[in-house]
Amino acid sequence: MRPRVMARPIDLEVQPIGGRFQPVAEDGSFEVAAIAGNVLVRAVGMPPGWTLKSVEYNGLDITDAPMEFKGTEEASGVLVTLTSLRTEVTGSVSDDRGQPVKDYTAVVFSEDSVRWGAESRFIKVGRPDQDGRFKIDDLPPGDYLAVAFDYVQQGEWHDPALLERIRSRGRSFRLAAGGSQVLDLKITRY
């Protein structure tokens, strides 16, 4: 299975729009034509066991920031790097009485508010499996907070105002490249 490269135009005021997906050639090269504006570059459809490590453009790390393309010039020198050093966060959630909760959303987000926003790799959610445990894969290495909600609207976890309100209730932890973390969280209502 060969990954594809996605170039998604980003309107910095609203959610991402559209996107182009192009396969990666056997020699590792790719070409995405006719893109303009602020564009976020990602690798998708990676082989099992691999995740995105970084995206660089002429030596500048653009992994988590959109790059502006004029649409009239050719932009070569984009390097997408994958890694097999994947992270994993697992855990369970209990209520105020210490009883397991079976229906919740676990939200894990960077302690650094600069990393909050639409399409951020530093914000992920997990839902419970049949045993009441959640699993979140492929967060970049860093310092995180985790909160479990009894209810949160789809996508609301990308709202910086919500993350700021709940950050003091988050459980803090650090993830290293290839690292894992097991968390036992208390349910939070907001």
Protein backbone atom coordinates (compact mmCIF):
# COMPACT_ATOMS: atom_id res chain seq x y z
CA MET A 1 0.00 0.00 0.00
CA ARG A 2 1.48 3.31 -1.10
CA PRO A 3 0.42 6.53 0.65
CA ARG A 4 -1.14 9.52 -1.06
CA VAL A 5 -0.37 13.18 -0.52
CA MET A 6 -3.26 15.48 0.24
CA ALA A 7 -3.14 19.22 -0.39
CA ARG A 8 -6.14 20.87 1.27
CA PRO A 9 -6.94 24.57 0.89
CA ILE A 10 -7.48 26.15 4.32
CA ASP A 11 -9.58 29.23 4.90
CA LEU A 12 -7.90 30.55 8.04
CA GLU A 13 -11.21 31.91 9.34
CA VAL A 14 -13.32 28.75 8.90
CA GLN A 15 -13.03 24.99 8.44
CA PRO A 16 -10.87 23.41 5.72
CA ILE A 17 -12.44 23.12 2.30
CA GLY A 18 -12.01 20.52 -0.41
CA GLY A 19 -8.66 18.99 -1.13
CA ARG A 20 -6.65 17.08 -3.73
CA PHE A 21 -5.26 13.61 -3.19
CA GLN A 22 -2.39 12.35 -5.33
CA PRO A 23 -0.65 8.97 -5.18
CA VAL A 24 3.02 8.73 -4.34
CA ALA A 25 5.10 7.19 -7.16
CA GLU A 26 7.37 4.19 -6.61
CA ASP A 27 10.38 6.51 -6.42
CA GLY A 28 8.71 8.50 -3.60
CA SER A 29 7.86 11.54 -5.71
CA PHE A 30 4.44 13.16 -6.00
CA GLU A 31 2.80 16.02 -7.87
CA VAL A 32 -0.28 18.00 -6.90
CA ALA A 33 -1.40 20.38 -9.64
CA ALA A 34 -3.55 23.52 -9.62
CA ILE A 35 -3.57 24.51 -5.97
CA ALA A 36 -3.70 28.07 -4.70
CA GLY A 37 -4.18 29.85 -1.39
CA ASN A 38 -3.27 28.62 2.09
CA VAL A 39 -2.72 24.89 1.72
CA LEU A 40 -2.14 22.19 4.32
CA VAL A 41 -0.08 19.23 3.06
CA ARG A 42 -0.63 15.79 4.63
CA ALA A 43 0.10 12.15 3.90
CA VAL A 44 -2.96 9.88 3.93
CA GLY A 45 -3.55 6.19 3.35
CA MET A 46 -0.25 5.17 4.93
CA PRO A 47 0.77 1.54 5.22
CA PRO A 48 -0.12 -0.12 8.53
CA GLY A 49 2.31 0.84 11.30
CA TRP A 50 3.30 4.20 9.78
CA THR A 51 2.30 7.78 10.55
CA LEU A 52 3.16 11.31 9.44
CA LYS A 53 6.33 12.67 11.03
CA SER A 54 6.81 15.95 9.17
CA VAL A 55 6.24 18.03 6.05
CA GLU A 56 9.01 20.40 4.97
CA TYR A 57 9.18 22.93 2.18
CA ASN A 58 12.73 23.94 1.25
CA GLY A 59 13.89 23.06 4.78
CA LEU A 60 11.05 24.91 6.58
CA ASP A 61 8.73 22.77 8.74
CA ILE A 62 5.17 23.29 7.45
CA THR A 63 3.68 20.16 9.06
CA ASP A 64 1.18 22.04 11.17
CA ALA A 65 0.87 25.36 9.35
CA PRO A 66 -0.67 26.04 5.97
CA MET A 67 1.63 27.28 3.24
CA GLU A 68 0.54 29.92 0.77
CA PHE A 69 0.67 28.90 -2.88
CA LYS A 70 0.02 31.55 -5.53
CA GLY A 71 -1.20 29.03 -8.09
CA THR A 72 1.02 30.51 -10.78
CA GLU A 73 4.39 29.05 -9.78
CA GLU A 74 5.80 25.56 -9.41
CA ALA A 75 6.67 24.67 -5.83
CA SER A 76 9.22 21.89 -5.65
CA GLY A 77 11.17 20.85 -2.61
CA VAL A 78 8.25 19.55 -0.50
CA LEU A 79 9.44 16.62 1.63
CA VAL A 80 6.88 14.44 3.43
CA THR A 81 8.47 12.15 6.05
CA LEU A 82 6.77 9.15 7.62
CA THR A 83 7.79 7.29 10.77
CA SER A 84 7.10 3.91 12.30
CA LEU A 85 7.51 5.42 15.80
CA ARG A 86 3.80 5.72 16.56
CA THR A 87 2.25 6.92 19.80
CA GLU A 88 -0.71 5.43 21.62
CA VAL A 89 -2.96 6.70 24.42
CA THR A 90 -5.41 4.27 26.01
CA GLY A 91 -7.58 4.41 29.07
CA SER A 92 -10.88 4.24 30.83
CA VAL A 93 -13.29 6.70 32.41
CA SER A 94 -15.12 6.63 35.73
CA ASP A 95 -17.74 8.82 37.40
CA ASP A 96 -17.59 10.66 40.75
CA ARG A 97 -18.38 7.42 42.61
CA GLY A 98 -15.60 5.52 40.84
CA GLN A 99 -18.01 3.54 38.65
CA PRO A 100 -16.96 2.84 35.05
CA VAL A 101 -18.57 5.05 32.41
CA LYS A 102 -19.43 3.31 29.14
CA ASP A 103 -20.54 6.29 27.03
CA TYR A 104 -18.17 9.25 26.73
CA THR A 105 -15.77 11.09 24.47
CA ALA A 106 -12.11 11.33 25.53
CA VAL A 107 -10.44 14.47 24.17
CA VAL A 108 -6.64 14.70 24.12
CA PHE A 109 -5.12 18.04 23.18
CA SER A 110 -1.76 19.80 23.29
CA GLU A 111 -0.94 21.88 26.36
CA ASP A 112 0.32 24.52 23.88
CA SER A 113 -2.68 26.57 22.72
CA VAL A 114 -0.79 27.53 19.55
CA ARG A 115 -1.44 23.96 18.40
CA TRP A 116 -5.23 24.24 18.76
CA GLY A 117 -7.31 24.64 15.64
CA ALA A 118 -8.98 22.91 12.72
CA GLU A 119 -7.01 20.01 11.25
CA SER A 120 -4.57 19.99 14.18
CA ARG A 121 -2.67 16.73 14.62
CA PHE A 122 -2.38 17.70 18.30
CA ILE A 123 -6.10 17.24 19.06
CA LYS A 124 -7.70 13.80 18.90
CA VAL A 125 -10.69 12.06 20.37
CA GLY A 126 -11.47 8.52 21.43
CA ARG A 127 -14.74 6.73 22.04
CA PRO A 128 -15.16 3.67 24.26
CA ASP A 129 -15.02 0.17 22.86
CA GLN A 130 -17.33 -2.63 24.11
CA ASP A 131 -15.20 -2.87 27.27
CA GLY A 132 -15.45 0.88 27.98
CA ARG A 133 -11.84 1.65 27.02
CA PHE A 134 -10.67 4.28 24.53
CA LYS A 135 -7.64 4.29 22.24
CA ILE A 136 -6.06 7.24 20.44
CA ASP A 137 -3.17 6.68 18.03
CA ASP A 138 -0.59 8.82 16.26
CA LEU A 139 -0.39 12.02 18.26
CA PRO A 140 2.91 13.82 17.64
CA PRO A 141 5.37 13.72 20.56
CA GLY A 142 4.68 16.46 23.11
CA ASP A 143 2.90 17.57 26.29
CA TYR A 144 -0.84 16.91 26.42
CA LEU A 145 -4.00 17.23 28.48
CA ALA A 146 -6.82 14.67 28.50
CA VAL A 147 -10.46 15.23 29.44
CA ALA A 148 -13.45 12.86 29.18
CA PHE A 149 -16.87 14.38 28.43
CA ASP A 150 -20.26 12.81 28.96
CA TYR A 151 -21.32 14.75 25.86
CA VAL A 152 -19.56 17.02 23.39
CA GLN A 153 -20.82 18.03 19.95
CA GLN A 154 -19.04 16.57 16.92
CA GLY A 155 -15.98 18.70 16.13
CA GLU A 156 -16.43 21.04 19.10
CA TRP A 157 -13.13 19.76 20.50
CA HIS A 158 -11.37 21.93 17.90
CA ASP A 159 -12.83 25.10 19.45
CA PRO A 160 -10.02 26.96 21.25
CA ALA A 161 -12.55 28.60 23.61
CA LEU A 162 -13.75 25.19 24.81
CA LEU A 163 -10.19 23.88 25.23
CA GLU A 164 -9.25 26.97 27.22
CA ARG A 165 -12.29 26.49 29.52
CA ILE A 166 -11.42 22.85 30.26
CA ARG A 167 -7.64 22.96 30.33
CA SER A 168 -7.52 23.31 34.13
CA ARG A 169 -9.51 20.05 34.44
CA GLY A 170 -7.26 18.11 32.06
CA ARG A 171 -4.95 15.33 33.10
CA SER A 172 -1.42 16.25 32.04
CA PHE A 173 0.97 13.78 30.43
CA ARG A 174 3.90 13.63 28.02
CA LEU A 175 4.27 11.47 24.90
CA ALA A 176 7.65 10.60 23.41
CA ALA A 177 8.14 9.35 19.84
CA GLY A 178 7.00 5.73 19.85
CA GLY A 179 5.64 6.15 23.40
CA SER A 180 2.40 5.09 25.01
CA GLN A 181 0.35 6.29 27.92
CA VAL A 182 -2.46 4.65 29.94
CA LEU A 183 -4.92 7.07 31.52
CA ASP A 184 -7.76 6.69 34.01
CA LEU A 185 -9.97 9.77 33.64
CA LYS A 186 -12.96 11.16 35.53
CA ILE A 187 -16.01 12.22 33.57
CA THR A 188 -16.30 16.00 33.01
CA ARG A 189 -19.43 18.03 32.32
CA TYR A 190 -19.19 21.51 30.92
